[in-house]
N, C-alpha and C. Protein backbone atom coordinates (compact mmCIF):
# COMPACT_ATOMS: atom_id res chain seq x y z
N MET A 1 28.87 3.48 -91.34
CA MET A 1 28.02 4.90 -92.25
C MET A 1 29.44 5.52 -92.07
N ILE A 2 29.96 5.97 -93.73
CA ILE A 2 31.24 6.99 -94.27
C ILE A 2 30.30 8.57 -94.53
N TYR A 3 30.79 8.99 -93.15
CA TYR A 3 30.32 10.79 -93.37
C TYR A 3 31.49 11.72 -93.60
N THR A 4 31.20 12.62 -94.59
CA THR A 4 32.10 13.10 -95.03
C THR A 4 32.09 15.00 -94.74
N PRO A 5 32.13 15.08 -93.66
CA PRO A 5 31.89 16.59 -93.14
C PRO A 5 32.48 17.49 -93.80
N VAL A 6 33.51 17.42 -94.91
CA VAL A 6 33.72 18.59 -95.95
C VAL A 6 32.99 19.23 -96.86
N ASP A 7 32.30 18.02 -97.47
CA ASP A 7 31.09 18.10 -98.58
C ASP A 7 30.28 17.04 -97.78
N PRO A 8 28.76 17.54 -97.01
CA PRO A 8 28.34 16.38 -96.72
C PRO A 8 27.22 15.58 -96.95
N LEU A 9 28.00 14.69 -97.15
CA LEU A 9 27.74 13.17 -98.35
C LEU A 9 27.50 11.93 -97.46
N LEU A 10 26.20 11.45 -97.20
CA LEU A 10 26.46 10.09 -96.67
C LEU A 10 26.62 8.88 -96.75
N PHE A 11 27.21 7.95 -96.76
CA PHE A 11 27.48 6.89 -97.82
C PHE A 11 27.55 5.78 -96.19
N VAL A 12 26.59 4.51 -97.16
CA VAL A 12 26.33 3.47 -95.84
C VAL A 12 26.97 2.12 -96.86
N ALA A 13 28.31 1.89 -95.67
CA ALA A 13 28.45 0.59 -95.93
C ALA A 13 27.93 -0.89 -95.96
N VAL A 14 28.08 -1.76 -96.49
CA VAL A 14 27.71 -3.33 -96.32
C VAL A 14 28.60 -4.32 -96.16
N LYS A 15 28.50 -5.43 -94.95
CA LYS A 15 29.47 -6.17 -95.90
C LYS A 15 29.04 -6.92 -96.57
N ASP A 16 29.46 -8.09 -97.35
CA ASP A 16 29.05 -8.67 -98.69
C ASP A 16 28.94 -10.22 -97.56
N LYS A 17 28.78 -11.05 -98.20
CA LYS A 17 29.35 -12.57 -97.68
C LYS A 17 30.36 -13.02 -97.77
N ASP A 18 31.28 -12.55 -98.85
CA ASP A 18 32.25 -12.34 -98.64
C ASP A 18 33.36 -11.67 -97.45
N GLY A 19 32.80 -10.84 -96.95
CA GLY A 19 33.39 -10.20 -95.80
C GLY A 19 33.59 -8.54 -96.65
N VAL A 20 33.51 -8.29 -97.75
CA VAL A 20 34.35 -7.04 -98.21
C VAL A 20 32.92 -6.33 -98.04
N LEU A 21 33.52 -4.58 -97.83
CA LEU A 21 32.44 -3.85 -97.69
C LEU A 21 32.02 -3.14 -99.17
N ARG A 22 31.08 -2.73 -98.70
CA ARG A 22 30.21 -2.33 -100.13
C ARG A 22 29.18 -0.98 -99.81
N ILE A 23 29.35 0.00 -100.86
CA ILE A 23 28.55 0.76 -100.59
C ILE A 23 26.55 0.09 -100.61
N ALA A 24 25.90 0.70 -100.01
CA ALA A 24 24.43 -0.42 -100.07
C ALA A 24 24.11 0.27 -101.17
N GLU A 25 22.77 -1.03 -101.67
CA GLU A 25 22.38 -0.41 -102.40
C GLU A 25 20.92 0.70 -102.33
N ASP A 26 19.63 1.14 -103.13
CA ASP A 26 19.13 1.74 -102.78
C ASP A 26 17.75 0.88 -102.04
N ASP A 27 18.00 -0.38 -102.02
CA ASP A 27 17.31 -1.11 -101.64
C ASP A 27 16.98 -1.54 -99.80
N LEU A 28 18.10 -1.10 -99.98
CA LEU A 28 18.97 -1.64 -98.17
C LEU A 28 18.31 -0.17 -97.49
N MET A 29 18.97 1.09 -97.94
CA MET A 29 18.24 2.03 -97.16
C MET A 29 16.92 2.48 -96.68
N ASP A 30 16.06 1.28 -97.30
CA ASP A 30 14.80 1.08 -96.30
C ASP A 30 14.53 0.08 -95.39
N ASP A 31 16.03 -0.61 -94.69
CA ASP A 31 15.97 -1.76 -94.07
C ASP A 31 16.26 -0.61 -92.79
N PRO A 32 15.74 -1.15 -91.78
CA PRO A 32 14.73 -0.19 -90.86
C PRO A 32 16.08 -0.25 -89.91
N SER A 33 17.12 -1.34 -89.79
CA SER A 33 18.58 -0.85 -89.10
C SER A 33 19.09 0.31 -89.61
N ILE A 34 19.43 0.24 -90.85
CA ILE A 34 20.40 1.42 -91.76
C ILE A 34 18.91 2.63 -91.48
N VAL A 35 18.16 2.58 -91.52
CA VAL A 35 16.78 3.60 -91.18
C VAL A 35 17.58 4.55 -90.06
N SER A 36 17.66 3.84 -89.33
CA SER A 36 17.89 3.63 -87.42
C SER A 36 19.17 4.65 -87.56
N ALA A 37 20.47 4.06 -88.11
CA ALA A 37 21.46 4.07 -87.76
C ALA A 37 21.51 5.89 -88.67
N ILE A 38 21.23 5.59 -89.61
CA ILE A 38 20.94 7.27 -90.21
C ILE A 38 20.39 8.27 -89.34
N ASP A 39 18.99 7.70 -88.98
CA ASP A 39 18.88 8.90 -87.91
C ASP A 39 19.67 9.40 -86.48
N GLU A 40 19.82 8.50 -86.39
CA GLU A 40 21.23 8.37 -85.35
C GLU A 40 22.32 9.71 -85.76
N GLU A 41 22.65 9.34 -86.94
CA GLU A 41 24.14 9.96 -86.81
C GLU A 41 23.52 11.54 -87.50
N THR A 42 22.37 11.64 -88.26
CA THR A 42 21.75 13.06 -88.48
C THR A 42 21.80 13.75 -86.95
N GLU A 43 20.63 13.35 -85.99
CA GLU A 43 20.89 13.35 -84.98
C GLU A 43 22.42 14.07 -84.08
N PHE A 44 23.24 13.01 -83.90
CA PHE A 44 24.71 13.27 -83.61
C PHE A 44 24.81 14.85 -83.92
N THR A 45 25.17 14.71 -85.51
CA THR A 45 25.87 15.62 -86.47
C THR A 45 25.23 16.91 -85.56
N ALA A 46 23.62 16.63 -85.69
CA ALA A 46 22.93 17.86 -85.28
C ALA A 46 23.49 18.19 -83.65
N LEU A 47 23.60 17.78 -82.71
CA LEU A 47 24.14 18.16 -81.47
C LEU A 47 25.51 18.79 -81.56
N VAL A 48 26.23 17.65 -82.65
CA VAL A 48 27.78 18.39 -82.38
C VAL A 48 27.74 19.91 -83.05
N GLU A 49 27.04 20.10 -83.64
CA GLU A 49 27.04 21.49 -84.76
C GLU A 49 25.94 22.42 -83.60
N GLU A 50 25.70 22.10 -82.98
CA GLU A 50 25.02 23.22 -81.63
C GLU A 50 26.24 23.21 -80.40
N GLU A 51 26.99 22.34 -80.49
CA GLU A 51 27.82 22.31 -79.00
C GLU A 51 28.52 23.33 -79.65
N GLU A 52 29.36 22.81 -80.88
CA GLU A 52 30.06 24.04 -81.54
C GLU A 52 30.03 25.63 -81.65
N ALA A 53 28.44 25.86 -82.17
CA ALA A 53 27.58 26.98 -82.27
C ALA A 53 27.90 27.61 -80.50
N LEU A 54 27.36 26.95 -79.18
CA LEU A 54 27.28 27.38 -78.37
C LEU A 54 28.96 27.55 -77.76
N LEU A 55 29.76 27.20 -78.13
CA LEU A 55 31.31 26.86 -77.89
C LEU A 55 31.86 28.03 -78.67
N GLU A 56 31.47 28.46 -79.97
CA GLU A 56 31.84 29.76 -80.62
C GLU A 56 31.14 30.69 -79.56
N SER A 57 29.89 30.96 -79.32
CA SER A 57 28.93 32.16 -78.46
C SER A 57 30.43 32.46 -77.22
N ILE A 58 30.21 31.33 -76.31
CA ILE A 58 31.27 31.27 -75.03
C ILE A 58 32.53 32.17 -75.50
N LEU A 59 33.15 31.54 -76.22
CA LEU A 59 33.99 32.11 -76.41
C LEU A 59 34.29 33.50 -76.93
N HIS A 60 33.87 33.74 -78.44
CA HIS A 60 34.03 34.72 -79.24
C HIS A 60 32.73 35.94 -78.72
N GLY A 61 31.68 35.50 -78.07
CA GLY A 61 30.30 35.71 -77.62
C GLY A 61 30.27 37.26 -78.23
N ASP A 62 29.59 38.13 -77.75
CA ASP A 62 29.06 39.68 -77.50
C ASP A 62 29.98 40.03 -76.02
N ASP A 63 30.48 40.90 -75.89
CA ASP A 63 31.03 41.62 -74.84
C ASP A 63 29.79 42.04 -73.75
N ASP A 64 28.76 42.40 -74.80
CA ASP A 64 27.89 43.08 -74.19
C ASP A 64 26.50 42.64 -73.31
N VAL A 65 26.76 42.71 -72.16
CA VAL A 65 25.96 41.50 -70.98
C VAL A 65 24.77 42.28 -70.61
N SER A 66 23.62 41.95 -70.60
CA SER A 66 22.59 42.45 -70.11
C SER A 66 22.21 42.07 -68.91
């Protein structure tokens, strides 16, 4: 998978029979292994964003301690 975080696009590439990487066609997007890989990437991205937000709140958080 190729993920472009600047502009959130996700491309799935597959090797053809000659070993050349190509963007996956729509019919492959329903393949269980591709769906699983996309789900894993989505979950990973969410965890990274959550970690970044937590770190940001710790480093630059509110000085008000209750």
